[in-house]
N, C-alpha and C. Protein backbone atom coordinates (compact mmCIF):
# COMPACT_ATOMS: atom_id res chain seq x y z
N MET A 1 0.84 -1.17 0.00
CA MET A 1 0.00 0.00 0.00
C MET A 1 0.88 1.24 0.00
N ILE A 2 0.40 2.29 -0.67
CA ILE A 2 1.12 3.55 -0.63
C ILE A 2 0.18 4.64 -0.14
N VAL A 3 0.78 5.62 0.53
CA VAL A 3 0.07 6.81 0.99
C VAL A 3 0.79 8.00 0.40
N ILE A 4 0.01 8.93 -0.11
CA ILE A 4 0.54 10.19 -0.62
C ILE A 4 -0.04 11.29 0.24
N SER A 5 0.81 12.16 0.73
CA SER A 5 0.38 13.23 1.61
C SER A 5 1.15 14.49 1.26
N GLY A 6 0.46 15.62 1.33
CA GLY A 6 1.17 16.85 1.04
C GLY A 6 0.30 18.07 1.20
N THR A 7 0.88 19.20 0.85
CA THR A 7 0.20 20.48 0.96
C THR A 7 0.48 21.33 -0.27
N PHE A 8 -0.57 21.90 -0.82
CA PHE A 8 -0.47 22.92 -1.86
C PHE A 8 -0.59 24.27 -1.17
N THR A 9 0.21 25.22 -1.61
CA THR A 9 0.07 26.58 -1.15
C THR A 9 -0.48 27.37 -2.33
N VAL A 10 -1.68 27.94 -2.14
CA VAL A 10 -2.44 28.58 -3.20
C VAL A 10 -2.69 30.03 -2.81
N GLU A 11 -2.60 30.93 -3.78
CA GLU A 11 -2.98 32.31 -3.52
C GLU A 11 -4.35 32.28 -2.82
N PRO A 12 -4.47 32.90 -1.64
CA PRO A 12 -5.73 32.80 -0.90
C PRO A 12 -6.98 33.17 -1.72
N THR A 13 -6.86 34.10 -2.63
CA THR A 13 -8.03 34.47 -3.45
C THR A 13 -8.38 33.38 -4.46
N ASP A 14 -7.47 32.43 -4.71
CA ASP A 14 -7.71 31.33 -5.63
C ASP A 14 -8.08 30.02 -4.93
N ARG A 15 -8.06 30.02 -3.60
CA ARG A 15 -8.25 28.75 -2.89
C ARG A 15 -9.63 28.15 -3.13
N ASP A 16 -10.68 28.96 -3.16
CA ASP A 16 -12.02 28.40 -3.40
C ASP A 16 -12.10 27.76 -4.79
N ALA A 17 -11.49 28.38 -5.80
CA ALA A 17 -11.48 27.81 -7.14
C ALA A 17 -10.68 26.50 -7.15
N PHE A 18 -9.58 26.46 -6.42
CA PHE A 18 -8.79 25.23 -6.30
C PHE A 18 -9.65 24.13 -5.71
N LEU A 19 -10.36 24.43 -4.63
CA LEU A 19 -11.18 23.42 -3.97
C LEU A 19 -12.33 22.95 -4.84
N THR A 20 -12.88 23.83 -5.66
CA THR A 20 -13.93 23.44 -6.60
C THR A 20 -13.38 22.43 -7.61
N ALA A 21 -12.21 22.72 -8.15
CA ALA A 21 -11.57 21.79 -9.09
C ALA A 21 -11.22 20.48 -8.38
N ALA A 22 -10.77 20.57 -7.14
CA ALA A 22 -10.40 19.38 -6.37
C ALA A 22 -11.62 18.51 -6.12
N LYS A 23 -12.76 19.12 -5.84
CA LYS A 23 -13.97 18.34 -5.57
C LYS A 23 -14.33 17.47 -6.78
N ALA A 24 -14.20 18.02 -7.97
CA ALA A 24 -14.50 17.25 -9.18
C ALA A 24 -13.55 16.08 -9.36
N VAL A 25 -12.25 16.31 -9.20
CA VAL A 25 -11.28 15.23 -9.39
C VAL A 25 -11.38 14.18 -8.28
N MET A 26 -11.77 14.60 -7.09
CA MET A 26 -11.94 13.65 -5.99
C MET A 26 -13.03 12.63 -6.32
N ALA A 27 -14.16 13.10 -6.81
CA ALA A 27 -15.28 12.20 -7.11
C ALA A 27 -14.89 11.14 -8.12
N ASP A 28 -14.22 11.54 -9.19
CA ASP A 28 -13.81 10.58 -10.22
C ASP A 28 -12.72 9.64 -9.72
N THR A 29 -11.77 10.17 -8.98
CA THR A 29 -10.64 9.36 -8.52
C THR A 29 -11.10 8.29 -7.54
N LEU A 30 -12.04 8.60 -6.69
CA LEU A 30 -12.50 7.62 -5.71
C LEU A 30 -13.17 6.41 -6.36
N GLN A 31 -13.50 6.51 -7.64
CA GLN A 31 -14.09 5.39 -8.37
C GLN A 31 -13.03 4.49 -9.02
N GLU A 32 -11.77 4.91 -8.98
CA GLU A 32 -10.71 4.16 -9.65
C GLU A 32 -10.34 2.89 -8.86
N PRO A 33 -10.04 1.81 -9.58
CA PRO A 33 -9.58 0.59 -8.91
C PRO A 33 -8.31 0.85 -8.11
N GLY A 34 -8.26 0.35 -6.91
CA GLY A 34 -7.05 0.47 -6.09
C GLY A 34 -6.98 1.74 -5.26
N CYS A 35 -7.94 2.64 -5.41
CA CYS A 35 -7.95 3.87 -4.63
C CYS A 35 -8.82 3.68 -3.40
N HIS A 36 -8.23 3.88 -2.23
CA HIS A 36 -8.96 3.73 -0.97
C HIS A 36 -9.29 5.08 -0.34
N ALA A 37 -8.53 6.11 -0.66
CA ALA A 37 -8.79 7.45 -0.13
C ALA A 37 -8.17 8.47 -1.09
N TYR A 38 -8.86 9.58 -1.27
CA TYR A 38 -8.35 10.66 -2.11
C TYR A 38 -9.08 11.92 -1.66
N CYS A 39 -8.39 12.80 -0.96
CA CYS A 39 -9.06 13.92 -0.34
C CYS A 39 -8.19 15.18 -0.34
N PHE A 40 -8.77 16.26 -0.80
CA PHE A 40 -8.19 17.59 -0.63
C PHE A 40 -8.99 18.27 0.47
N SER A 41 -8.31 18.99 1.36
CA SER A 41 -9.02 19.72 2.41
C SER A 41 -8.29 21.03 2.71
N PRO A 42 -9.06 22.09 2.96
CA PRO A 42 -8.44 23.37 3.26
C PRO A 42 -7.80 23.35 4.65
N SER A 43 -6.68 24.00 4.77
CA SER A 43 -6.04 24.13 6.08
C SER A 43 -6.90 25.01 6.97
N VAL A 44 -7.01 24.65 8.24
CA VAL A 44 -7.77 25.48 9.17
C VAL A 44 -6.90 26.57 9.79
N THR A 45 -5.58 26.52 9.54
CA THR A 45 -4.68 27.51 10.12
C THR A 45 -4.01 28.41 9.09
N ASP A 46 -4.06 28.03 7.82
CA ASP A 46 -3.36 28.78 6.77
C ASP A 46 -4.33 29.05 5.62
N PRO A 47 -4.70 30.31 5.37
CA PRO A 47 -5.66 30.61 4.31
C PRO A 47 -5.16 30.29 2.90
N ALA A 48 -3.89 29.95 2.77
CA ALA A 48 -3.33 29.58 1.47
C ALA A 48 -3.14 28.07 1.34
N GLY A 49 -3.36 27.32 2.41
CA GLY A 49 -3.03 25.89 2.42
C GLY A 49 -4.18 24.99 2.03
N VAL A 50 -3.85 23.97 1.24
CA VAL A 50 -4.79 22.88 0.91
C VAL A 50 -4.01 21.58 1.06
N HIS A 51 -4.53 20.71 1.92
CA HIS A 51 -3.87 19.43 2.19
C HIS A 51 -4.39 18.35 1.25
N LEU A 52 -3.52 17.42 0.93
CA LEU A 52 -3.84 16.28 0.08
C LEU A 52 -3.53 15.00 0.83
N PHE A 53 -4.47 14.04 0.76
CA PHE A 53 -4.23 12.71 1.33
C PHE A 53 -4.77 11.68 0.35
N GLU A 54 -3.94 10.69 0.01
CA GLU A 54 -4.33 9.61 -0.89
C GLU A 54 -3.86 8.28 -0.31
N LYS A 55 -4.63 7.23 -0.57
CA LYS A 55 -4.21 5.87 -0.19
C LYS A 55 -4.55 4.94 -1.35
N TRP A 56 -3.54 4.22 -1.84
CA TRP A 56 -3.67 3.34 -3.01
C TRP A 56 -3.13 1.96 -2.69
N ASP A 57 -3.64 0.96 -3.42
CA ASP A 57 -3.11 -0.40 -3.28
C ASP A 57 -1.62 -0.46 -3.57
N SER A 58 -1.21 0.26 -4.62
CA SER A 58 0.19 0.16 -5.07
C SER A 58 0.49 1.30 -6.05
N GLU A 59 1.75 1.44 -6.39
CA GLU A 59 2.12 2.39 -7.44
C GLU A 59 1.54 1.97 -8.78
N ASP A 60 1.40 0.66 -9.00
CA ASP A 60 0.78 0.19 -10.24
C ASP A 60 -0.68 0.64 -10.33
N ALA A 61 -1.38 0.68 -9.20
CA ALA A 61 -2.76 1.16 -9.19
C ALA A 61 -2.82 2.67 -9.41
N LEU A 62 -1.81 3.37 -8.93
CA LEU A 62 -1.74 4.82 -9.07
C LEU A 62 -1.43 5.25 -10.50
N ALA A 63 -0.65 4.48 -11.21
CA ALA A 63 -0.16 4.88 -12.54
C ALA A 63 -1.27 5.29 -13.51
N PRO A 64 -2.37 4.53 -13.66
CA PRO A 64 -3.42 4.96 -14.59
C PRO A 64 -4.08 6.27 -14.16
N HIS A 65 -4.16 6.50 -12.85
CA HIS A 65 -4.73 7.75 -12.34
C HIS A 65 -3.97 8.95 -12.88
N MET A 66 -2.65 8.85 -12.90
CA MET A 66 -1.82 9.98 -13.32
C MET A 66 -2.02 10.32 -14.80
N LYS A 67 -2.59 9.39 -15.58
CA LYS A 67 -2.82 9.61 -17.01
C LYS A 67 -4.31 9.77 -17.33
N SER A 68 -5.15 9.81 -16.31
CA SER A 68 -6.60 9.84 -16.52
C SER A 68 -7.08 11.20 -17.04
N ASP A 69 -8.23 11.17 -17.69
CA ASP A 69 -8.83 12.41 -18.20
C ASP A 69 -9.11 13.39 -17.06
N HIS A 70 -9.58 12.88 -15.94
CA HIS A 70 -9.94 13.80 -14.85
C HIS A 70 -8.71 14.43 -14.19
N ILE A 71 -7.58 13.74 -14.16
CA ILE A 71 -6.38 14.37 -13.60
C ILE A 71 -5.82 15.40 -14.59
N ARG A 72 -5.97 15.13 -15.89
CA ARG A 72 -5.55 16.14 -16.88
C ARG A 72 -6.44 17.38 -16.79
N ALA A 73 -7.74 17.19 -16.61
CA ALA A 73 -8.66 18.32 -16.45
C ALA A 73 -8.32 19.12 -15.20
N PHE A 74 -7.97 18.42 -14.13
CA PHE A 74 -7.56 19.09 -12.89
C PHE A 74 -6.30 19.92 -13.14
N GLY A 75 -5.34 19.36 -13.84
CA GLY A 75 -4.12 20.10 -14.17
C GLY A 75 -4.40 21.35 -14.98
N ARG A 76 -5.33 21.26 -15.94
CA ARG A 76 -5.70 22.44 -16.73
C ARG A 76 -6.35 23.50 -15.84
N ALA A 77 -7.18 23.07 -14.90
CA ALA A 77 -7.82 24.02 -13.99
C ALA A 77 -6.79 24.71 -13.11
N LEU A 78 -5.78 23.98 -12.67
CA LEU A 78 -4.75 24.58 -11.82
C LEU A 78 -3.90 25.60 -12.56
N LYS A 79 -3.76 25.43 -13.88
CA LYS A 79 -2.97 26.39 -14.66
C LYS A 79 -3.59 27.78 -14.63
N GLU A 80 -4.89 27.86 -14.35
CA GLU A 80 -5.59 29.14 -14.28
C GLU A 80 -5.42 29.81 -12.92
N LEU A 81 -4.84 29.10 -11.96
CA LEU A 81 -4.73 29.60 -10.59
C LEU A 81 -3.28 29.88 -10.23
N LYS A 82 -3.10 30.68 -9.20
CA LYS A 82 -1.75 30.97 -8.73
C LYS A 82 -1.39 29.98 -7.62
N ILE A 83 -0.61 28.98 -8.00
CA ILE A 83 -0.12 27.99 -7.05
C ILE A 83 1.26 28.46 -6.61
N LEU A 84 1.39 28.74 -5.32
CA LEU A 84 2.63 29.30 -4.79
C LEU A 84 3.66 28.23 -4.44
N GLY A 85 3.21 27.02 -4.26
CA GLY A 85 4.12 25.93 -3.93
C GLY A 85 3.38 24.65 -3.66
N ARG A 86 4.13 23.57 -3.59
CA ARG A 86 3.56 22.27 -3.24
C ARG A 86 4.66 21.40 -2.67
N GLU A 87 4.29 20.66 -1.66
CA GLU A 87 5.18 19.66 -1.05
C GLU A 87 4.37 18.39 -0.93
N ILE A 88 4.73 17.38 -1.69
CA ILE A 88 3.99 16.13 -1.71
C ILE A 88 4.97 14.98 -1.57
N SER A 89 4.65 14.03 -0.71
CA SER A 89 5.51 12.87 -0.49
C SER A 89 4.70 11.59 -0.63
N MET A 90 5.38 10.53 -1.08
CA MET A 90 4.78 9.21 -1.18
C MET A 90 5.45 8.30 -0.15
N TYR A 91 4.63 7.52 0.54
CA TYR A 91 5.11 6.62 1.57
C TYR A 91 4.70 5.19 1.22
N GLU A 92 5.61 4.26 1.37
CA GLU A 92 5.30 2.84 1.22
C GLU A 92 4.93 2.33 2.61
N VAL A 93 3.75 1.75 2.73
CA VAL A 93 3.23 1.32 4.01
C VAL A 93 3.33 -0.20 4.10
N ALA A 94 4.04 -0.68 5.11
CA ALA A 94 4.22 -2.12 5.28
C ALA A 94 3.02 -2.76 5.98
N SER A 95 2.37 -2.02 6.86
CA SER A 95 1.20 -2.56 7.54
C SER A 95 0.32 -1.40 7.99
N GLU A 96 -0.91 -1.76 8.32
CA GLU A 96 -1.87 -0.76 8.80
C GLU A 96 -2.59 -1.34 10.01
N LYS A 97 -2.78 -0.51 11.01
CA LYS A 97 -3.46 -0.94 12.23
C LYS A 97 -4.49 0.12 12.58
N LYS A 98 -5.74 -0.29 12.74
CA LYS A 98 -6.80 0.64 13.11
C LYS A 98 -6.60 1.10 14.55
N MET A 99 -6.92 2.35 14.81
CA MET A 99 -6.76 2.91 16.16
C MET A 99 -8.12 3.27 16.73
């Protein structure tokens, strides 16, 4: 299993438009095989921050997502916005335990 986690820093005046685009890509992505979680959420402490969390069966399951029509549409939507930065990391998870 892999987990992807990160933060986008978006011009605060563009954050609502970012979240609108994110909502559309979230709905389509959650239908993809191997996707267990895919969520963008606004930071409660930073008006420019948007957090990303994803959970996939494997990198092989993630690969088609990166080439999907909905991720390309999301990329086009982001080109219209001022993205100030992004920090995203992928983690390989050996096990999972419910808390």
